[in-house]
Amino acid sequence: MLRVPLRLTKNEVCILLGVGRDKLTRMEREDESFPKSMKEGVTRQAAVYYDYQAIIEWYENWKTNTQQNRGL
């Protein structure tokens, strides 16, 4: 049985999308459709997570829009 994570760390999202941490932060800030991060606590040091399914859906939409804009 394949196990799918419910949430991803910032590093895991970077690996999944093939981007660096700075690029991920910029994507979250500049792209309104990019899934928002969730903090595990209220402190500044609290771990930051992203919803796995939201990241996958965003990527599929981004890929479709990119291909349409290129005329593929």
Protein backbone atom coordinates (compact mmCIF):
# COMPACT_ATOMS: atom_id res chain seq x y z
CA MET A 1 0.00 0.00 0.00
CA LEU A 2 1.37 3.39 -1.02
CA ARG A 3 1.57 5.90 1.80
CA VAL A 4 0.88 9.50 0.85
CA PRO A 5 1.90 12.16 3.37
CA LEU A 6 -0.71 14.63 4.58
CA ARG A 7 1.77 17.43 5.04
CA LEU A 8 5.21 18.33 3.76
CA THR A 9 8.02 20.33 5.30
CA LYS A 10 9.48 23.31 3.46
CA ASN A 11 12.50 21.21 2.47
CA GLU A 12 10.29 18.41 1.15
CA VAL A 13 8.32 20.87 -0.99
CA CYS A 14 11.57 22.29 -2.35
CA ILE A 15 12.73 18.80 -3.34
CA LEU A 16 9.33 17.90 -4.82
CA LEU A 17 9.22 21.06 -6.96
CA GLY A 18 12.95 21.19 -7.66
CA VAL A 19 13.41 24.71 -6.29
CA GLY A 20 15.45 26.32 -3.53
CA ARG A 21 14.09 27.75 -0.29
CA ASP A 22 14.38 31.34 -1.55
CA LYS A 23 12.41 30.48 -4.71
CA LEU A 24 9.74 28.72 -2.63
CA THR A 25 9.37 31.78 -0.40
CA ARG A 26 9.12 34.02 -3.48
CA MET A 27 6.51 31.73 -5.06
CA GLU A 28 4.41 31.81 -1.90
CA ARG A 29 4.65 35.61 -1.73
CA GLU A 30 4.11 36.43 -5.43
CA ASP A 31 1.74 33.69 -6.65
CA GLU A 32 -1.67 34.07 -5.03
CA SER A 33 -2.68 30.59 -6.17
CA PHE A 34 0.27 28.94 -4.39
CA PRO A 35 -0.85 27.00 -1.28
CA LYS A 36 -0.25 28.83 1.97
CA SER A 37 1.97 27.31 4.61
CA MET A 38 0.68 26.22 8.01
CA LYS A 39 2.59 26.73 11.25
CA GLU A 40 2.46 23.97 13.82
CA GLY A 41 2.52 26.42 16.72
CA VAL A 42 2.41 30.10 17.55
CA THR A 43 6.10 30.64 18.25
CA ARG A 44 8.45 32.03 15.66
CA GLN A 45 10.40 28.76 15.64
CA ALA A 46 7.32 26.61 15.03
CA ALA A 47 7.66 24.16 12.17
CA VAL A 48 6.12 25.16 8.84
CA TYR A 49 4.19 22.64 6.76
CA TYR A 50 2.34 22.56 3.45
CA ASP A 51 -0.67 20.43 2.57
CA TYR A 52 0.51 17.66 0.23
CA GLN A 53 -2.67 17.53 -1.86
CA ALA A 54 -2.78 21.33 -2.25
CA ILE A 55 0.82 21.34 -3.54
CA ILE A 56 0.04 18.56 -6.05
CA GLU A 57 -3.12 20.34 -7.27
CA TRP A 58 -1.27 23.66 -7.60
CA TYR A 59 1.49 21.99 -9.62
CA GLU A 60 -0.99 20.29 -11.98
CA ASN A 61 -2.78 23.63 -12.57
CA TRP A 62 0.55 25.43 -13.06
CA LYS A 63 1.70 22.78 -15.54
CA THR A 64 -1.56 22.99 -17.52
CA ASN A 65 -1.48 26.79 -17.63
CA THR A 66 2.19 26.83 -18.65
CA GLN A 67 1.55 24.40 -21.51
CA GLN A 68 -1.48 26.37 -22.71
CA ASN A 69 0.49 29.62 -22.67
CA ARG A 70 3.19 27.99 -24.76
CA GLY A 71 0.64 26.66 -27.22
CA LEU A 72 1.47 23.01 -26.53
